[in-house]
Structure formats: structure tokens, C-alpha cells
Amino acid sequence: MFIGRDTELKKLNEMYSSDKYEFAVIYGRRRVGKTTLIREFIKDKNAIFFVASESTAADNLLSLSRRIGGGNNAPVYRDYENALTAIFEKASNERIVFVIDEYPYLAESNREVSSLLQIMIDHNRENTKLMLILCGSSMSFMESQVLGYQSPLYGRRTAQFKIMPFSFFESLPFFESFEKTDKAVLYGITSGIPEYLSKIDSTKTVDENIVDLFLTASGYLFEEPSNLLKQELREPSTYNVIIEAIASGATRLNEIATKCGIESNKCAKYLKSLISLGLVKKDLPITETSSKRSIYLLDDLMFRFWYRYVFPNMSGIVSGLGRAIYDFEVMENLSAYMGLVFEDICKQYMMEEAKKNALPFFTGKAGRWWGNNPKEKRQEEIDILAYRKDSALFCECKWTNALVDVDVLKSLETKSDLFHYKSKWFWLFAKTGFTDKLKSEAEKQRNVSLIQFEDML
């Protein structure tokens, strides 16, 4: 069953309906559902779907010839120019969708293919019915070698789609049979990656799914991060050390470099690659623009979970101790792990409210803030801060079984004194709920909202 991607499908179908030259570039990290989206789009259309392989130019030409000719007995074209000419000739009188999936593999096997496509497009775009789709998982390649200014294909695309993981709210159809708080946990271990979401077994509990997927040697996600690093990067062992350092608490460039024994300038390049893959993010206090205060965090929730609970316990998992590891290490610490996940979900909720114009003021920007409290001489943190001009919204997110009390509101109000916004609002998010004392206090103040997790769904 195909789930989500309504916006992308709508746009692709609008492009198809134009019945003229269209060129879509679709890219995003592995497992995010690019190919599934394309197959859903072309399922009722006249299409040539070619998947390039990490092989030679001759092997890829053979595969492309078979896709054009409709079978293994199809004649093999002499070169790529002839193959592409045949496709454009077919599309001179009929609407054809031509898809090249894993385009970076094809371009790396034949350096001329982008230039050939550019020539074909420039010569035929005014009288062709071809809809070309180039798709790739190497985001750096797609952004520089297909969309970038130096690419022969620059300026030829008519649309581009960077396919992102599902948000928590977009992931909900995968969790229909689970309790509300379990849905958050399942999102927190899959990061909204469709491929991982599809592996969740609705007939099993959350505990059983975690053990089966992560804490069993044959589990689908047991070696997934290692496999992804090997697929995407030339020095997977170095990247693995860097990710491990971040997962263990090193957040600043010098800390990470020192912990890994790598020079800072080299470490920065490795981190840039991890950011391009969507695995690491460079974070700043939401009000800051200077990179001097930036920190590095794992942006992929599945990687965050894996490096916290799977990587340190791989020997035990291979020995069959997965269930015990879950009982004594994962389950006892899961609430703490979910803290950052819940912050992410709350921020997504705020953006959904912004789309409905339901925030106290319009803003399209929200994020964490941390900094110095000069009066108390200590560091302060605010889970989510959204602001615009003279207005600010301060948020605290609590993923605990205990009811949130009035002291949390008072602490947030004190932190807000560090800022000189004219109008201030306070939103408190809670997994379980709020004390009567806090509810009474919130009723007295028109600028305070209490939001329980189950009400966010």
C-alpha cells in the first residue's frame, strides 16, 4: 500500500498533464522512498524505467537497451547517443516518461552522458512529449552534478524534489494499531524513513519490534547504519568513529576531532559529508547566526538509537542476549532517549499549527536555544523558541510519566527574562499531563497553553 507523498504526486501529475517537455530531478537519502514514489507515479503511464548499476558503461548500456526494447532479446544500441536518440524519437509523437534511477552510477560509468542529455534536450525540447526523471541517492552528486551551475544539465530541469523522511504526523498511518505513546517511540527509532516504517509488525508489541529489528543478529536494522556508511562513503570506519563520538556526547568540532584523533580541518570535511547525507546536523541557538557557537548532533533518529543501544552491545546481540539488553538497558533508559524525539515532534506540531495560522503570531522558524545566564552565571536551555519581531513563544517539552507542575512554567518564565521581546507566550508540552495547580495557573494567564501529547494527534 502506498502512503503519503501527496504533494509530490500532485506536482508530478501536473507536469505529466502538460504534454510537453518536462524534466524532474528527484533526490534524497537511501530508503526514503524515491523509487516507490516514482513507481506509484508511472504505474498507469507509458514509461521506460531504467535503474543504473554500479558497473561499467557497457553493462549499463546493455540494460538501458533492454528497457527501451522491452526485453532481454532487444537489440543493443551502439552507444548512448543512439539509445537516447531512440527515446527522444519515440517521444516526438507520444507522451513517454523516461526514468533513470540511480543516475549517479550511470554518470560515473560514462562521463559524457550528462552532456549527451543536455544536447538532446536542447535540440528537442520544443517538439518533444518526453518527461524525463533523473533520480539519485547521492545528494551531493545530484545537487552539484545535476542541479549545480557547473553541470551540463543546469537550467534544463523544470522541477526538483528533495525527498525527505516522513514527519511524525505523516508517519501515523504506519502506526494505526498501536497506542498513542507507542507511536512516538516507533517514530523515534525509525526517523520517519519509509523503508524502516514498512518493517514494523503491527501484530507485535513495540518491545517485540525493537528486539526483532535492532537487537537480533538477523534483524533488518541490526547492521543498517554500517551498511549505509559502506554504500555511501569511501572511509566508513572513519565516519563510524565520528558518529560514535557525537553519539557519546561530543558536540563541538574540536571535541569531536580530539576524541577521534583527527585534525580539525579534516574532521570538518567528514562532518560536511555526513550532513549532506542527512545523518548529522550543524545546530545553532535559534537566535544566532554566527557559527562560533555551533554544535553537531545526530539528525537521524534511527542512527541515534542504534549508536546508543545497538553499537555498544553488538557482541551480546550476536550471542542471543537481545531481549535481556532490551530489558536492562533500553527499556530503563527509553524515556530519557525520547526527550529529544519529543522535542522534535513538538516542533513539528508547532509548524502544523503555523500552517493553520493557529500560533499566537506568524512564524516559520522555531528551534532550540542555549546560552549564558549572566545573572545566575550558568548555562540555560530552552527546548523550543519561536520568534518574530517583538513576539516570542517559549516552549518546554516533558516526556515523563509524572504530571508537569507549576515549577516548570515558572522556570520557563525566568528563562524568558533573558530576552527583551514585548509579547511573550508559553507553551508546555507533556507526555502524561499536568497538575491541577498548573492548570489553575495557566487559566489565570492568557499567554500560557498546556498541550498533552494525546491531544496533538
Protein backbone atom coordinates (compact mmCIF):
# COMPACT_ATOMS: atom_id res chain seq x y z
CA MET A 1 0.00 0.00 0.00
CA PHE A 2 1.36 3.41 -0.99
CA ILE A 3 1.27 6.01 1.80
CA GLY A 4 1.84 9.76 1.67
CA ARG A 5 3.75 11.94 -0.82
CA ASP A 6 0.50 13.57 -1.97
CA THR A 7 2.17 16.91 -2.75
CA GLU A 8 4.90 15.30 -4.85
CA LEU A 9 2.45 13.09 -6.75
CA LYS A 10 0.18 16.03 -7.47
CA LYS A 11 3.05 18.05 -8.92
CA LEU A 12 4.38 15.15 -10.99
CA ASN A 13 0.92 14.52 -12.45
CA GLU A 14 0.55 18.21 -13.27
CA MET A 15 3.85 18.03 -15.15
CA TYR A 16 2.72 14.90 -16.98
CA SER A 17 -0.54 16.56 -18.00
CA SER A 18 1.28 19.42 -19.71
CA ASP A 19 2.04 17.00 -22.59
CA LYS A 20 5.26 18.87 -23.33
CA TYR A 21 8.91 18.61 -22.34
CA GLU A 22 9.34 18.22 -18.59
CA PHE A 23 12.42 17.33 -16.58
CA ALA A 24 12.15 16.41 -12.89
CA VAL A 25 15.12 15.82 -10.61
CA ILE A 26 14.29 13.60 -7.62
CA TYR A 27 16.86 13.02 -4.92
CA GLY A 28 17.19 12.14 -1.25
CA ARG A 29 18.93 9.75 1.09
CA ARG A 30 18.64 5.99 0.71
CA ARG A 31 15.49 4.22 1.99
CA VAL A 32 13.48 7.46 1.89
CA GLY A 33 11.07 6.22 -0.79
CA LYS A 34 12.19 7.88 -4.01
CA THR A 35 11.80 4.80 -6.21
CA THR A 36 8.48 3.89 -4.56
CA LEU A 37 7.20 7.39 -5.35
CA ILE A 38 8.29 7.14 -8.99
CA ARG A 39 6.75 3.68 -9.43
CA GLU A 40 3.47 4.93 -7.97
CA PHE A 41 3.54 7.87 -10.39
CA ILE A 42 4.21 5.82 -13.55
CA LYS A 43 2.04 2.79 -12.72
CA ASP A 44 -0.65 3.81 -15.22
CA LYS A 45 1.58 5.61 -17.72
CA ASN A 46 3.71 4.83 -20.76
CA ALA A 47 7.13 4.73 -19.15
CA ILE A 48 10.68 3.49 -19.63
CA PHE A 49 12.08 2.80 -16.18
CA PHE A 50 15.84 2.22 -16.14
CA VAL A 51 17.85 1.56 -12.98
CA ALA A 52 21.57 2.20 -13.45
CA SER A 53 24.01 -0.09 -11.67
CA GLU A 54 27.40 0.46 -10.11
CA SER A 55 29.02 -1.21 -13.10
CA THR A 56 30.65 -0.45 -16.45
CA ALA A 57 29.28 1.83 -19.15
CA ALA A 58 28.83 -1.23 -21.40
CA ASP A 59 26.76 -3.09 -18.80
CA ASN A 60 24.54 -0.08 -18.22
CA LEU A 61 24.09 0.42 -21.97
CA LEU A 62 23.00 -3.21 -22.29
CA SER A 63 20.44 -2.76 -19.51
CA LEU A 64 19.18 0.51 -20.98
CA SER A 65 18.82 -1.09 -24.43
CA ARG A 66 16.70 -3.87 -22.93
CA ARG A 67 14.47 -1.36 -21.16
CA ILE A 68 13.96 0.61 -24.38
CA GLY A 69 13.35 -2.52 -26.44
CA GLY A 70 11.10 -4.16 -23.89
CA GLY A 71 13.01 -7.35 -23.10
CA ASN A 72 16.26 -9.30 -22.95
CA ASN A 73 16.13 -10.05 -26.70
CA ALA A 74 16.07 -6.37 -27.66
CA PRO A 75 18.92 -5.14 -29.88
CA VAL A 76 21.77 -3.41 -28.08
CA TYR A 77 22.41 0.17 -29.12
CA ARG A 78 25.88 1.01 -30.40
CA ASP A 79 26.35 3.83 -27.90
CA TYR A 80 24.43 6.10 -25.53
CA GLU A 81 23.85 8.73 -28.19
CA ASN A 82 21.90 6.22 -30.28
CA ALA A 83 19.98 4.95 -27.25
CA LEU A 84 18.95 8.43 -26.16
CA THR A 85 18.11 9.42 -29.74
CA ALA A 86 15.73 6.45 -29.91
CA ILE A 87 13.93 7.58 -26.76
CA PHE A 88 13.53 11.16 -27.96
CA GLU A 89 12.27 9.90 -31.34
CA LYS A 90 9.67 7.76 -29.56
CA ALA A 91 8.58 10.81 -27.58
CA SER A 92 8.13 13.02 -30.64
CA ASN A 93 4.59 11.71 -31.14
CA GLU A 94 3.56 10.15 -27.82
CA ARG A 95 3.83 11.03 -24.14
CA ILE A 96 6.64 9.00 -22.57
CA VAL A 97 8.09 9.12 -19.09
CA PHE A 98 11.78 8.20 -19.14
CA VAL A 99 13.20 7.46 -15.70
CA ILE A 100 16.87 6.96 -14.89
CA ASP A 101 17.08 5.75 -11.30
CA GLU A 102 20.46 5.84 -9.51
CA TYR A 103 21.62 8.34 -12.10
CA PRO A 104 24.99 8.96 -10.33
CA TYR A 105 26.00 5.37 -11.14
CA LEU A 106 25.31 5.93 -14.84
CA ALA A 107 27.08 9.29 -14.90
CA GLU A 108 30.13 7.86 -13.16
CA SER A 109 30.32 4.93 -15.59
CA ASN A 110 30.02 7.25 -18.60
CA ARG A 111 31.25 10.81 -18.08
CA GLU A 112 29.62 12.01 -21.31
CA VAL A 113 26.04 11.03 -20.53
CA SER A 114 25.10 14.37 -18.90
CA SER A 115 26.44 16.28 -21.89
CA LEU A 116 24.58 13.95 -24.26
CA LEU A 117 21.34 14.51 -22.37
CA GLN A 118 21.93 18.26 -22.49
CA ILE A 119 22.39 18.17 -26.28
CA MET A 120 19.29 16.01 -26.75
CA ILE A 121 17.21 18.31 -24.56
CA ASP A 122 18.38 21.49 -26.27
CA HIS A 123 17.70 20.07 -29.74
CA ASN A 124 14.29 18.56 -28.93
CA ARG A 125 12.68 20.42 -26.04
CA GLU A 126 10.38 22.49 -28.26
CA ASN A 127 8.88 19.49 -30.07
CA THR A 128 9.07 16.56 -27.67
CA LYS A 129 6.50 14.96 -25.39
CA LEU A 130 9.18 13.43 -23.20
CA MET A 131 9.01 13.68 -19.41
CA LEU A 132 12.50 12.95 -18.11
CA ILE A 133 13.12 11.97 -14.49
CA LEU A 134 16.61 11.65 -13.03
CA CYS A 135 16.73 10.12 -9.57
CA GLY A 136 19.66 9.59 -7.20
CA SER A 137 20.59 8.81 -3.61
CA SER A 138 23.90 10.66 -3.65
CA MET A 139 22.62 14.07 -2.61
CA SER A 140 25.97 15.81 -3.07
CA PHE A 141 26.23 14.46 -6.62
CA MET A 142 22.65 15.36 -7.54
CA GLU A 143 22.99 18.88 -6.13
CA SER A 144 26.35 19.61 -7.77
CA GLN A 145 26.46 17.45 -10.92
CA VAL A 146 22.79 17.65 -11.95
CA LEU A 147 21.36 20.80 -10.35
CA GLY A 148 24.61 22.73 -9.91
CA TYR A 149 25.80 25.59 -12.09
CA GLN A 150 28.78 23.58 -13.39
CA SER A 151 26.57 20.74 -14.63
CA PRO A 152 25.76 20.45 -18.38
CA LEU A 153 22.15 19.91 -17.24
CA TYR A 154 21.99 23.17 -15.32
CA GLY A 155 18.87 25.16 -16.17
CA ARG A 156 17.19 22.27 -18.01
CA ARG A 157 15.08 20.90 -15.16
CA THR A 158 11.50 22.08 -14.80
CA ALA A 159 11.08 20.83 -11.21
CA GLN A 160 13.13 19.34 -8.44
CA PHE A 161 12.09 17.23 -5.47
CA LYS A 162 14.27 16.67 -2.42
CA ILE A 163 12.51 13.75 -0.79
CA MET A 164 12.66 13.97 2.98
CA PRO A 165 11.78 11.42 5.69
CA PHE A 166 8.18 11.49 6.86
CA SER A 167 7.40 13.72 9.80
CA PHE A 168 5.84 12.11 12.87
CA PHE A 169 2.38 13.12 11.70
CA GLU A 170 3.00 11.80 8.18
CA SER A 171 4.17 8.51 9.71
CA LEU A 172 0.97 7.91 11.69
CA PRO A 173 -0.71 5.65 9.07
CA PHE A 174 2.04 3.09 9.74
CA PHE A 175 1.14 3.05 13.46
CA GLU A 176 -2.63 2.69 13.39
CA SER A 177 -2.80 -0.40 15.63
CA PHE A 178 -0.52 1.00 18.36
CA GLU A 179 -1.19 3.06 21.49
CA LYS A 180 -0.57 6.79 21.16
CA THR A 181 2.68 6.94 23.14
CA ASP A 182 3.93 3.84 21.32
CA LYS A 183 3.54 5.72 18.06
CA ALA A 184 6.04 8.31 19.25
CA VAL A 185 8.52 5.61 20.25
CA LEU A 186 8.22 3.89 16.86
CA TYR A 187 8.84 7.20 15.13
CA GLY A 188 11.80 7.77 17.43
CA ILE A 189 13.52 4.55 16.31
CA THR A 190 12.76 4.82 12.58
CA SER A 191 13.22 8.58 11.98
CA GLY A 192 10.26 8.52 9.61
CA ILE A 193 12.19 6.62 6.92
CA PRO A 194 9.52 4.80 4.87
CA GLU A 195 11.62 1.67 4.37
CA TYR A 196 12.05 1.28 8.13
CA LEU A 197 8.43 2.15 8.85
CA SER A 198 7.34 -0.62 6.49
CA LYS A 199 9.23 -3.18 8.61
CA ILE A 200 7.16 -2.50 11.73
CA ASP A 201 4.98 -5.53 12.52
CA SER A 202 1.55 -4.37 13.69
CA THR A 203 0.86 -7.82 15.22
CA LYS A 204 3.70 -7.36 17.71
CA THR A 205 4.28 -5.00 20.62
CA VAL A 206 6.71 -2.10 20.49
CA ASP A 207 9.10 -4.08 22.69
CA GLU A 208 8.99 -7.04 20.31
CA ASN A 209 9.51 -4.82 17.27
CA ILE A 210 12.59 -3.20 18.80
CA VAL A 211 14.10 -6.57 19.72
CA ASP A 212 13.31 -8.10 16.33
CA LEU A 213 14.54 -5.16 14.25
CA PHE A 214 17.58 -3.99 16.24
CA LEU A 215 18.54 -6.47 18.93
CA THR A 216 18.55 -9.68 16.90
CA ALA A 217 21.55 -10.60 14.74
CA SER A 218 19.25 -11.30 11.78
CA GLY A 219 17.19 -8.13 12.39
CA TYR A 220 16.65 -5.80 9.45
CA LEU A 221 18.18 -2.81 11.26
CA PHE A 222 20.89 -4.66 13.20
CA GLU A 223 23.63 -3.65 10.73
CA GLU A 224 21.78 -0.95 8.79
CA PRO A 225 23.95 2.07 9.75
CA SER A 226 27.15 0.15 8.99
CA ASN A 227 25.79 -0.95 5.63
CA LEU A 228 24.68 2.58 4.72
CA LEU A 229 28.10 4.04 5.55
CA LYS A 230 29.78 1.39 3.40
CA GLN A 231 27.44 2.16 0.50
CA GLU A 232 27.78 5.93 0.63
CA LEU A 233 31.29 6.70 1.86
CA ARG A 234 34.84 5.76 0.95
CA GLU A 235 36.18 5.65 4.52
CA PRO A 236 33.31 4.12 6.52
CA SER A 237 35.48 3.29 9.53
CA THR A 238 36.48 6.95 9.96
CA TYR A 239 32.90 8.14 9.67
CA ASN A 240 31.83 5.45 12.11
CA VAL A 241 34.28 6.80 14.72
CA ILE A 242 32.98 10.35 14.19
CA ILE A 243 29.35 9.32 14.57
CA GLU A 244 30.22 7.31 17.68
CA ALA A 245 31.91 10.38 19.16
CA ILE A 246 28.82 12.54 18.56
CA ALA A 247 26.53 9.84 19.93
CA SER A 248 28.60 9.67 23.11
CA GLY A 249 28.24 13.40 23.78
CA ALA A 250 30.95 15.23 21.80
CA THR A 251 29.20 18.08 20.02
CA ARG A 252 31.77 20.74 19.15
CA LEU A 253 34.22 20.38 16.28
CA ASN A 254 37.33 20.40 18.48
CA GLU A 255 35.79 17.86 20.87
CA ILE A 256 34.87 15.51 18.05
CA ALA A 257 38.25 15.86 16.34
CA THR A 258 40.16 15.27 19.58
CA LYS A 259 38.08 12.26 20.52
CA CYS A 260 38.61 10.75 17.06
CA GLY A 261 42.28 11.69 16.75
CA ILE A 262 41.64 13.63 13.53
CA GLU A 263 42.82 17.12 12.58
CA SER A 264 40.02 19.67 12.92
CA ASN A 265 40.04 20.75 9.26
CA LYS A 266 39.80 17.12 8.08
CA CYS A 267 37.12 16.39 10.65
CA ALA A 268 35.09 19.34 9.35
CA LYS A 269 35.14 17.83 5.84
CA TYR A 270 33.96 14.47 7.15
CA LEU A 271 31.17 16.18 9.07
CA LYS A 272 30.13 18.06 5.93
CA SER A 273 29.70 14.74 4.13
CA LEU A 274 27.59 13.35 6.99
CA ILE A 275 25.44 16.48 6.91
CA SER A 276 24.89 16.08 3.14
CA LEU A 277 23.65 12.53 3.82
CA GLY A 278 21.13 13.78 6.38
CA LEU A 279 22.80 11.86 9.22
CA VAL A 280 24.31 14.79 11.15
CA LYS A 281 23.12 18.37 11.56
CA LYS A 282 25.00 21.53 12.46
CA ASP A 283 22.89 23.26 15.07
CA LEU A 284 22.92 26.84 16.33
CA PRO A 285 20.88 28.59 19.02
CA ILE A 286 17.81 29.69 17.09
CA THR A 287 18.59 33.39 17.60
CA GLU A 288 22.22 33.11 16.47
CA THR A 289 23.80 33.47 13.04
CA SER A 290 27.48 33.08 13.94
CA SER A 291 28.87 29.57 13.52
CA LYS A 292 31.16 30.06 16.53
CA ARG A 293 28.50 28.59 18.82
CA SER A 294 27.50 25.76 16.51
CA ILE A 295 27.34 22.16 17.67
CA TYR A 296 26.95 18.87 15.82
CA LEU A 297 24.15 16.42 16.58
CA LEU A 298 22.88 13.21 15.04
CA ASP A 299 19.96 14.25 12.86
CA ASP A 300 18.82 10.73 12.01
CA LEU A 301 16.83 9.26 14.91
CA MET A 302 17.46 5.67 13.85
CA PHE A 303 21.22 6.30 13.89
CA ARG A 304 20.87 7.98 17.27
CA PHE A 305 19.03 4.96 18.67
CA TRP A 306 21.41 2.47 17.03
CA TYR A 307 24.59 4.08 18.30
CA ARG A 308 23.17 4.40 21.80
CA TYR A 309 21.83 0.88 22.22
CA VAL A 310 22.98 -1.43 19.41
CA PHE A 311 26.57 -0.48 18.68
CA PRO A 312 27.85 -0.90 22.27
CA ASN A 313 26.05 -4.25 22.60
CA MET A 314 26.73 -5.96 19.28
CA SER A 315 28.63 -8.88 20.81
CA GLY A 316 25.81 -9.56 23.24
CA ILE A 317 23.22 -9.35 20.49
CA VAL A 318 25.13 -11.84 18.35
CA SER A 319 25.25 -14.12 21.40
CA GLY A 320 21.45 -14.04 21.63
CA LEU A 321 21.10 -11.61 24.55
CA GLY A 322 18.92 -9.12 22.68
CA ARG A 323 15.88 -9.44 24.93
CA ALA A 324 17.96 -9.05 28.09
CA ILE A 325 19.70 -5.99 26.60
CA TYR A 326 16.28 -4.50 25.91
CA ASP A 327 15.01 -5.21 29.43
CA PHE A 328 18.04 -3.88 31.31
CA GLU A 329 19.43 -1.15 29.04
CA VAL A 330 16.87 0.04 26.51
CA MET A 331 13.62 -0.07 28.47
CA GLU A 332 15.13 1.58 31.57
CA ASN A 333 16.50 4.49 29.53
CA LEU A 334 13.90 4.82 26.80
CA SER A 335 12.12 7.75 28.45
CA ALA A 336 15.38 9.73 28.55
CA TYR A 337 16.11 8.84 24.91
CA MET A 338 12.64 10.04 23.91
CA GLY A 339 13.27 13.51 25.32
CA LEU A 340 14.87 14.87 22.14
CA VAL A 341 12.45 12.89 19.98
CA PHE A 342 9.53 14.53 21.75
CA GLU A 343 11.07 17.96 21.23
CA ASP A 344 11.24 17.18 17.52
CA ILE A 345 7.60 16.06 17.48
CA CYS A 346 6.52 19.20 19.36
CA LYS A 347 8.35 21.42 16.87
CA GLN A 348 6.62 19.60 14.02
CA TYR A 349 3.29 20.14 15.78
CA MET A 350 4.01 23.86 16.02
CA MET A 351 4.75 24.03 12.30
CA GLU A 352 1.48 22.23 11.58
CA GLU A 353 -0.29 24.81 13.75
CA ALA A 354 1.53 27.57 11.88
CA LYS A 355 0.10 26.26 8.60
CA LYS A 356 -3.37 26.67 10.13
CA ASN A 357 -2.48 30.16 11.41
CA ALA A 358 -3.06 28.83 14.94
CA LEU A 359 0.10 30.21 16.58
CA PRO A 360 -0.07 33.44 18.60
CA PHE A 361 1.81 35.14 15.75
CA PHE A 362 3.09 34.09 12.34
CA THR A 363 6.50 32.47 12.25
CA GLY A 364 8.15 29.91 10.05
CA LYS A 365 11.16 29.41 12.29
CA ALA A 366 11.46 27.51 15.56
CA GLY A 367 14.28 25.68 17.29
CA ARG A 368 16.37 25.09 20.38
CA TRP A 369 18.15 27.87 22.24
CA TRP A 370 21.04 27.69 24.66
CA GLY A 371 23.26 30.35 26.11
CA ASN A 372 24.67 32.07 29.18
CA ASN A 373 22.63 33.48 32.03
CA PRO A 374 24.85 36.38 33.16
CA LYS A 375 22.86 37.00 36.33
CA GLU A 376 22.99 33.40 37.59
CA LYS A 377 26.32 32.68 35.86
CA ARG A 378 25.12 29.43 34.34
CA GLN A 379 24.11 27.94 31.02
CA GLU A 380 20.41 27.88 30.19
CA GLU A 381 18.47 25.87 27.60
CA ILE A 382 15.05 26.35 26.04
CA ASP A 383 13.57 23.35 24.24
CA ILE A 384 11.82 25.38 21.53
CA LEU A 385 11.84 29.09 20.85
CA ALA A 386 9.88 30.72 18.04
CA TYR A 387 10.01 34.45 17.44
CA ARG A 388 9.16 37.23 15.02
CA LYS A 389 9.86 40.92 15.52
CA ASP A 390 8.70 41.80 19.09
CA SER A 391 6.92 38.49 19.79
CA ALA A 392 8.26 35.19 21.11
CA LEU A 393 6.88 31.78 22.00
CA PHE A 394 8.78 29.77 24.64
CA CYS A 395 8.20 26.01 24.89
CA GLU A 396 9.13 23.24 27.30
CA CYS A 397 8.71 19.56 26.36
CA LYS A 398 8.44 16.86 29.04
CA TRP A 399 8.36 13.17 28.12
CA THR A 400 7.85 11.74 31.60
CA ASN A 401 5.15 9.72 33.35
CA ALA A 402 4.93 12.33 36.11
CA LEU A 403 2.48 15.20 35.77
CA VAL A 404 4.13 18.51 34.87
CA ASP A 405 3.85 21.00 37.74
CA VAL A 406 3.85 24.77 38.02
CA ASP A 407 7.59 24.91 38.71
CA VAL A 408 8.24 24.06 35.04
CA LEU A 409 6.25 27.11 33.95
CA LYS A 410 7.99 29.37 36.48
CA SER A 411 11.40 28.16 35.29
CA LEU A 412 10.49 28.85 31.66
CA GLU A 413 9.22 32.31 32.54
CA THR A 414 12.50 33.04 34.32
CA LYS A 415 14.49 31.96 31.28
CA SER A 416 12.35 34.21 29.10
CA ASP A 417 13.61 37.20 31.13
CA LEU A 418 16.90 36.79 29.23
CA PHE A 419 15.06 38.10 26.15
CA HIS A 420 13.53 41.52 25.59
CA TYR A 421 10.53 40.64 23.46
CA LYS A 422 7.48 42.82 24.04
CA SER A 423 4.94 39.98 23.79
CA LYS A 424 5.65 36.52 25.22
CA TRP A 425 3.70 33.26 25.15
CA PHE A 426 4.41 29.98 26.89
CA TRP A 427 3.51 26.51 25.67
CA LEU A 428 4.12 23.44 27.83
CA PHE A 429 4.04 20.02 26.17
CA ALA A 430 3.65 16.87 28.28
CA LYS A 431 3.52 13.15 27.62
CA THR A 432 1.21 12.41 30.57
CA GLY A 433 -0.49 15.62 31.65
CA PHE A 434 -0.43 18.50 34.12
CA THR A 435 -1.15 19.03 37.81
CA ASP A 436 -4.30 20.83 38.89
CA LYS A 437 -2.12 23.59 40.30
CA LEU A 438 -0.53 24.21 36.92
CA LYS A 439 -3.89 24.07 35.15
CA SER A 440 -5.23 26.67 37.55
CA GLU A 441 -2.20 28.90 36.99
CA ALA A 442 -2.50 28.58 33.21
CA GLU A 443 -6.16 29.62 33.35
CA LYS A 444 -5.16 32.83 35.08
CA GLN A 445 -2.65 33.68 32.37
CA ARG A 446 -3.94 34.13 28.84
CA ASN A 447 -0.48 33.65 27.36
CA VAL A 448 0.00 30.08 28.67
CA SER A 449 -1.10 26.91 26.84
CA LEU A 450 -0.89 23.33 28.14
CA ILE A 451 -0.71 20.66 25.44
CA GLN A 452 -0.87 16.96 26.27
CA PHE A 453 0.67 14.55 23.78
CA GLU A 454 -2.54 12.66 23.06
CA ASP A 455 -4.25 15.94 22.12
CA MET A 456 -1.58 16.57 19.49
CA LEU A 457 -2.79 13.59 17.46
